[in-house]
Amino acid sequence: MEELVNLSFLEKFTGGNQSKIKRYISMYLATAPDILKRMMQNLDAQNWSDLGINAHSLKPQTDFMGVVTLKNTLIEIENNLKMNNYERLSDLVVAAYEIHQNSALILAQILKDLSTSD
């Protein structure tokens, strides 16, 4: 099974600088839940335009955190929106939320581990 979080891109991007890695993880953990909450609200309101905007805005953050399964789910959401295929959106948004929840637990533990190793 593919690992849920792979920080190799972030480590390369920051040159392995622990304080930068912690800052990026902290920013992701602070912003991603709000974006996903808005996506759920967009879904409930059938606001497809904003749903697409929010899904798109979260993709770069998932790249930094190496959460490939979440990025792929966000791409699926965007693709379904482009094809006006709204039937799968509920399942996809819920899946994105669940993937985020699981990856956030891992990232929070990584952040804790990095903070204790200072």
N, C-alpha and C. Protein backbone atom coordinates (compact mmCIF):
# COMPACT_ATOMS: atom_id res chain seq x y z
N MET A 1 0.84 -1.19 0.00
CA MET A 1 0.00 0.00 0.00
C MET A 1 0.88 1.25 0.00
N GLU A 2 0.49 2.23 -0.79
CA GLU A 2 1.24 3.47 -0.89
C GLU A 2 1.15 4.24 0.42
N GLU A 3 2.27 4.86 0.81
CA GLU A 3 2.24 5.64 2.04
C GLU A 3 1.37 6.88 1.84
N LEU A 4 0.68 7.29 2.89
CA LEU A 4 -0.26 8.40 2.79
C LEU A 4 0.45 9.74 2.72
N VAL A 5 1.57 9.87 3.42
CA VAL A 5 2.34 11.11 3.45
C VAL A 5 3.78 10.80 3.07
N ASN A 6 4.30 11.58 2.12
CA ASN A 6 5.69 11.42 1.70
C ASN A 6 6.30 12.82 1.64
N LEU A 7 7.14 13.13 2.59
CA LEU A 7 7.69 14.49 2.69
C LEU A 7 8.96 14.70 1.87
N SER A 8 9.27 13.80 0.94
CA SER A 8 10.53 13.93 0.20
C SER A 8 10.57 15.24 -0.61
N PHE A 9 9.46 15.65 -1.21
CA PHE A 9 9.46 16.92 -1.95
C PHE A 9 9.70 18.09 -1.00
N LEU A 10 9.02 18.09 0.13
CA LEU A 10 9.17 19.18 1.10
C LEU A 10 10.60 19.23 1.64
N GLU A 11 11.17 18.06 1.91
CA GLU A 11 12.54 18.01 2.40
C GLU A 11 13.52 18.56 1.36
N LYS A 12 13.29 18.20 0.10
CA LYS A 12 14.16 18.71 -0.96
C LYS A 12 13.94 20.22 -1.14
N PHE A 13 12.70 20.65 -1.14
CA PHE A 13 12.36 22.06 -1.33
C PHE A 13 12.98 22.93 -0.25
N THR A 14 12.98 22.44 1.00
CA THR A 14 13.51 23.23 2.13
C THR A 14 14.99 22.97 2.37
N GLY A 15 15.58 22.09 1.58
CA GLY A 15 16.97 21.74 1.82
C GLY A 15 17.17 21.02 3.13
N GLY A 16 16.10 20.39 3.62
CA GLY A 16 16.17 19.65 4.88
C GLY A 16 16.12 20.53 6.11
N ASN A 17 15.86 21.81 5.94
CA ASN A 17 15.80 22.75 7.06
C ASN A 17 14.58 22.42 7.93
N GLN A 18 14.86 21.94 9.14
CA GLN A 18 13.79 21.47 10.03
C GLN A 18 12.77 22.56 10.38
N SER A 19 13.25 23.78 10.61
CA SER A 19 12.31 24.84 10.98
C SER A 19 11.39 25.19 9.81
N LYS A 20 11.91 25.15 8.59
CA LYS A 20 11.06 25.40 7.41
C LYS A 20 10.06 24.26 7.22
N ILE A 21 10.51 23.04 7.40
CA ILE A 21 9.61 21.88 7.28
C ILE A 21 8.48 22.01 8.29
N LYS A 22 8.82 22.35 9.53
CA LYS A 22 7.79 22.52 10.56
C LYS A 22 6.83 23.64 10.20
N ARG A 23 7.37 24.74 9.66
CA ARG A 23 6.52 25.88 9.29
C ARG A 23 5.54 25.48 8.19
N TYR A 24 6.01 24.77 7.16
CA TYR A 24 5.12 24.35 6.07
C TYR A 24 4.06 23.35 6.54
N ILE A 25 4.47 22.42 7.38
CA ILE A 25 3.49 21.46 7.91
C ILE A 25 2.44 22.21 8.74
N SER A 26 2.90 23.13 9.58
CA SER A 26 1.98 23.90 10.42
C SER A 26 1.00 24.71 9.58
N MET A 27 1.50 25.33 8.52
CA MET A 27 0.62 26.11 7.65
C MET A 27 -0.42 25.21 6.99
N TYR A 28 0.00 24.05 6.53
CA TYR A 28 -0.94 23.12 5.91
C TYR A 28 -2.01 22.69 6.92
N LEU A 29 -1.57 22.32 8.11
CA LEU A 29 -2.52 21.86 9.13
C LEU A 29 -3.48 22.99 9.56
N ALA A 30 -3.05 24.23 9.39
CA ALA A 30 -3.90 25.37 9.76
C ALA A 30 -4.89 25.73 8.65
N THR A 31 -4.51 25.53 7.39
CA THR A 31 -5.35 26.01 6.29
C THR A 31 -6.20 24.92 5.62
N ALA A 32 -5.68 23.73 5.50
CA ALA A 32 -6.39 22.67 4.76
C ALA A 32 -7.77 22.35 5.34
N PRO A 33 -7.91 22.27 6.68
CA PRO A 33 -9.25 21.95 7.20
C PRO A 33 -10.31 22.96 6.79
N ASP A 34 -9.94 24.25 6.75
CA ASP A 34 -10.91 25.28 6.35
C ASP A 34 -11.31 25.12 4.89
N ILE A 35 -10.35 24.79 4.05
CA ILE A 35 -10.66 24.60 2.62
C ILE A 35 -11.58 23.41 2.45
N LEU A 36 -11.30 22.33 3.15
CA LEU A 36 -12.16 21.14 3.04
C LEU A 36 -13.55 21.41 3.61
N LYS A 37 -13.63 22.19 4.66
CA LYS A 37 -14.94 22.57 5.22
C LYS A 37 -15.72 23.37 4.18
N ARG A 38 -15.05 24.30 3.51
CA ARG A 38 -15.71 25.09 2.46
C ARG A 38 -16.16 24.19 1.32
N MET A 39 -15.34 23.19 1.00
CA MET A 39 -15.73 22.26 -0.07
C MET A 39 -17.01 21.51 0.30
N MET A 40 -17.12 21.10 1.56
CA MET A 40 -18.35 20.42 2.01
C MET A 40 -19.54 21.37 1.91
N GLN A 41 -19.33 22.62 2.29
CA GLN A 41 -20.40 23.62 2.19
C GLN A 41 -20.77 23.87 0.73
N ASN A 42 -19.76 23.95 -0.13
CA ASN A 42 -20.02 24.13 -1.57
C ASN A 42 -20.83 22.98 -2.12
N LEU A 43 -20.49 21.77 -1.69
CA LEU A 43 -21.21 20.58 -2.13
C LEU A 43 -22.66 20.66 -1.69
N ASP A 44 -22.89 20.97 -0.42
CA ASP A 44 -24.25 21.06 0.11
C ASP A 44 -25.08 22.12 -0.63
N ALA A 45 -24.42 23.23 -0.97
CA ALA A 45 -25.11 24.33 -1.65
C ALA A 45 -25.14 24.14 -3.18
N GLN A 46 -24.52 23.07 -3.65
CA GLN A 46 -24.37 22.81 -5.09
C GLN A 46 -23.72 24.00 -5.80
N ASN A 47 -22.76 24.59 -5.10
CA ASN A 47 -22.00 25.71 -5.66
C ASN A 47 -20.76 25.12 -6.34
N TRP A 48 -20.96 24.66 -7.57
CA TRP A 48 -19.94 23.91 -8.28
C TRP A 48 -18.72 24.76 -8.60
N SER A 49 -18.93 26.02 -8.90
CA SER A 49 -17.81 26.90 -9.24
C SER A 49 -16.85 27.03 -8.05
N ASP A 50 -17.39 27.33 -6.87
CA ASP A 50 -16.54 27.48 -5.69
C ASP A 50 -15.93 26.15 -5.26
N LEU A 51 -16.67 25.07 -5.47
CA LEU A 51 -16.12 23.75 -5.15
C LEU A 51 -14.86 23.50 -5.98
N GLY A 52 -14.93 23.82 -7.26
CA GLY A 52 -13.77 23.66 -8.13
C GLY A 52 -12.61 24.55 -7.72
N ILE A 53 -12.93 25.79 -7.36
CA ILE A 53 -11.89 26.74 -6.93
C ILE A 53 -11.20 26.23 -5.66
N ASN A 54 -12.00 25.77 -4.70
CA ASN A 54 -11.41 25.29 -3.45
C ASN A 54 -10.59 24.01 -3.65
N ALA A 55 -11.10 23.09 -4.48
CA ALA A 55 -10.34 21.87 -4.76
C ALA A 55 -9.01 22.23 -5.42
N HIS A 56 -9.07 23.14 -6.37
CA HIS A 56 -7.87 23.55 -7.10
C HIS A 56 -6.86 24.22 -6.16
N SER A 57 -7.35 25.04 -5.23
CA SER A 57 -6.44 25.77 -4.34
C SER A 57 -5.73 24.85 -3.35
N LEU A 58 -6.29 23.70 -3.07
CA LEU A 58 -5.67 22.78 -2.12
C LEU A 58 -4.60 21.89 -2.77
N LYS A 59 -4.66 21.74 -4.08
CA LYS A 59 -3.73 20.81 -4.76
C LYS A 59 -2.25 21.13 -4.52
N PRO A 60 -1.81 22.39 -4.65
CA PRO A 60 -0.37 22.64 -4.43
C PRO A 60 0.07 22.28 -3.01
N GLN A 61 -0.80 22.50 -2.05
CA GLN A 61 -0.45 22.17 -0.67
C GLN A 61 -0.27 20.66 -0.50
N THR A 62 -1.10 19.88 -1.20
CA THR A 62 -0.96 18.43 -1.10
C THR A 62 0.34 17.96 -1.74
N ASP A 63 0.80 18.70 -2.75
CA ASP A 63 2.11 18.39 -3.35
C ASP A 63 3.22 18.56 -2.33
N PHE A 64 3.20 19.69 -1.64
CA PHE A 64 4.23 19.96 -0.65
C PHE A 64 4.24 18.91 0.45
N MET A 65 3.07 18.47 0.86
CA MET A 65 2.96 17.51 1.95
C MET A 65 3.09 16.06 1.46
N GLY A 66 3.11 15.87 0.15
CA GLY A 66 3.26 14.53 -0.39
C GLY A 66 2.05 13.65 -0.15
N VAL A 67 0.87 14.25 -0.11
CA VAL A 67 -0.37 13.49 0.09
C VAL A 67 -0.98 13.24 -1.29
N VAL A 68 -0.39 12.30 -2.00
CA VAL A 68 -0.74 12.04 -3.40
C VAL A 68 -2.18 11.58 -3.56
N THR A 69 -2.65 10.76 -2.65
CA THR A 69 -4.03 10.27 -2.78
C THR A 69 -5.03 11.42 -2.66
N LEU A 70 -4.74 12.39 -1.82
CA LEU A 70 -5.63 13.55 -1.71
C LEU A 70 -5.56 14.39 -2.98
N LYS A 71 -4.36 14.60 -3.49
CA LYS A 71 -4.22 15.37 -4.73
C LYS A 71 -4.99 14.69 -5.86
N ASN A 72 -4.86 13.38 -5.98
CA ASN A 72 -5.57 12.65 -7.04
C ASN A 72 -7.08 12.76 -6.88
N THR A 73 -7.56 12.75 -5.64
CA THR A 73 -9.00 12.90 -5.40
C THR A 73 -9.46 14.30 -5.77
N LEU A 74 -8.64 15.30 -5.47
CA LEU A 74 -8.98 16.68 -5.85
C LEU A 74 -9.03 16.83 -7.37
N ILE A 75 -8.11 16.17 -8.06
CA ILE A 75 -8.12 16.19 -9.53
C ILE A 75 -9.38 15.53 -10.06
N GLU A 76 -9.78 14.42 -9.42
CA GLU A 76 -11.03 13.75 -9.82
C GLU A 76 -12.23 14.66 -9.62
N ILE A 77 -12.25 15.40 -8.52
CA ILE A 77 -13.34 16.35 -8.28
C ILE A 77 -13.37 17.38 -9.40
N GLU A 78 -12.22 17.95 -9.72
CA GLU A 78 -12.14 18.94 -10.80
C GLU A 78 -12.61 18.36 -12.13
N ASN A 79 -12.15 17.15 -12.44
CA ASN A 79 -12.52 16.53 -13.71
C ASN A 79 -14.02 16.27 -13.79
N ASN A 80 -14.61 15.80 -12.69
CA ASN A 80 -16.05 15.57 -12.67
C ASN A 80 -16.82 16.88 -12.83
N LEU A 81 -16.32 17.94 -12.24
CA LEU A 81 -16.96 19.25 -12.39
C LEU A 81 -16.89 19.72 -13.84
N LYS A 82 -15.74 19.54 -14.46
CA LYS A 82 -15.56 19.97 -15.86
C LYS A 82 -16.52 19.23 -16.79
N MET A 83 -16.83 17.98 -16.45
CA MET A 83 -17.73 17.17 -17.29
C MET A 83 -19.19 17.26 -16.84
N ASN A 84 -19.46 18.19 -15.89
CA ASN A 84 -20.82 18.34 -15.33
C ASN A 84 -21.35 17.01 -14.80
N ASN A 85 -20.45 16.21 -14.26
CA ASN A 85 -20.81 14.92 -13.69
C ASN A 85 -20.87 15.08 -12.17
N TYR A 86 -22.03 15.44 -11.67
CA TYR A 86 -22.18 15.79 -10.26
C TYR A 86 -22.50 14.59 -9.37
N GLU A 87 -22.82 13.45 -9.96
CA GLU A 87 -23.26 12.28 -9.18
C GLU A 87 -22.19 11.78 -8.22
N ARG A 88 -20.93 11.80 -8.63
CA ARG A 88 -19.85 11.24 -7.80
C ARG A 88 -19.25 12.25 -6.84
N LEU A 89 -19.64 13.52 -6.96
CA LEU A 89 -18.98 14.56 -6.17
C LEU A 89 -19.11 14.35 -4.67
N SER A 90 -20.26 13.93 -4.23
CA SER A 90 -20.45 13.72 -2.79
C SER A 90 -19.45 12.70 -2.26
N ASP A 91 -19.35 11.57 -2.93
CA ASP A 91 -18.40 10.53 -2.51
C ASP A 91 -16.96 11.03 -2.56
N LEU A 92 -16.64 11.79 -3.61
CA LEU A 92 -15.27 12.28 -3.76
C LEU A 92 -14.91 13.31 -2.70
N VAL A 93 -15.83 14.22 -2.39
CA VAL A 93 -15.55 15.23 -1.37
C VAL A 93 -15.40 14.57 0.00
N VAL A 94 -16.26 13.61 0.30
CA VAL A 94 -16.14 12.87 1.57
C VAL A 94 -14.82 12.12 1.61
N ALA A 95 -14.43 11.51 0.50
CA ALA A 95 -13.15 10.79 0.45
C ALA A 95 -11.99 11.76 0.67
N ALA A 96 -12.05 12.94 0.05
CA ALA A 96 -10.99 13.94 0.24
C ALA A 96 -10.89 14.33 1.70
N TYR A 97 -12.03 14.54 2.33
CA TYR A 97 -12.06 14.90 3.75
C TYR A 97 -11.43 13.80 4.61
N GLU A 98 -11.80 12.55 4.34
CA GLU A 98 -11.26 11.43 5.12
C GLU A 98 -9.76 11.25 4.90
N ILE A 99 -9.32 11.39 3.66
CA ILE A 99 -7.87 11.29 3.38
C ILE A 99 -7.13 12.39 4.15
N HIS A 100 -7.71 13.59 4.11
CA HIS A 100 -7.07 14.69 4.84
C HIS A 100 -7.00 14.38 6.33
N GLN A 101 -8.10 13.90 6.91
CA GLN A 101 -8.12 13.59 8.34
C GLN A 101 -7.00 12.62 8.70
N ASN A 102 -6.86 11.56 7.91
CA ASN A 102 -5.83 10.55 8.18
C ASN A 102 -4.43 11.12 7.99
N SER A 103 -4.23 11.88 6.92
CA SER A 103 -2.90 12.45 6.67
C SER A 103 -2.57 13.52 7.70
N ALA A 104 -3.57 14.26 8.17
CA ALA A 104 -3.32 15.30 9.18
C ALA A 104 -2.82 14.68 10.49
N LEU A 105 -3.34 13.52 10.84
CA LEU A 105 -2.85 12.83 12.04
C LEU A 105 -1.37 12.49 11.90
N ILE A 106 -1.00 11.99 10.72
CA ILE A 106 0.40 11.64 10.47
C ILE A 106 1.27 12.88 10.50
N LEU A 107 0.81 13.95 9.83
CA LEU A 107 1.59 15.18 9.79
C LEU A 107 1.72 15.82 11.18
N ALA A 108 0.67 15.75 11.97
CA ALA A 108 0.74 16.29 13.33
C ALA A 108 1.77 15.52 14.15
N GLN A 109 1.83 14.20 13.96
CA GLN A 109 2.82 13.41 14.67
C GLN A 109 4.23 13.74 14.19
N ILE A 110 4.39 13.93 12.89
CA ILE A 110 5.71 14.32 12.35
C ILE A 110 6.13 15.67 12.93
N LEU A 111 5.19 16.60 12.97
CA LEU A 111 5.47 17.93 13.54
C LEU A 111 5.88 17.80 15.00
N LYS A 112 5.18 16.98 15.75
CA LYS A 112 5.51 16.76 17.17
C LYS A 112 6.91 16.16 17.30
N ASP A 113 7.19 15.16 16.46
CA ASP A 113 8.51 14.52 16.50
C ASP A 113 9.62 15.51 16.16
N LEU A 114 9.38 16.35 15.17
CA LEU A 114 10.38 17.36 14.80
C LEU A 114 10.59 18.37 15.92
N SER A 115 9.52 18.71 16.59
CA SER A 115 9.61 19.70 17.66
C SER A 115 10.35 19.16 18.88
N THR A 116 10.22 17.86 19.12
CA THR A 116 10.91 17.27 20.27
C THR A 116 12.38 16.98 19.96
N SER A 117 12.74 16.99 18.67
CA SER A 117 14.12 16.70 18.31
C SER A 117 14.97 17.96 18.24
N ASP A 118 14.36 19.11 18.52
CA ASP A 118 15.12 20.39 18.48
C ASP A 118 16.15 20.46 19.58
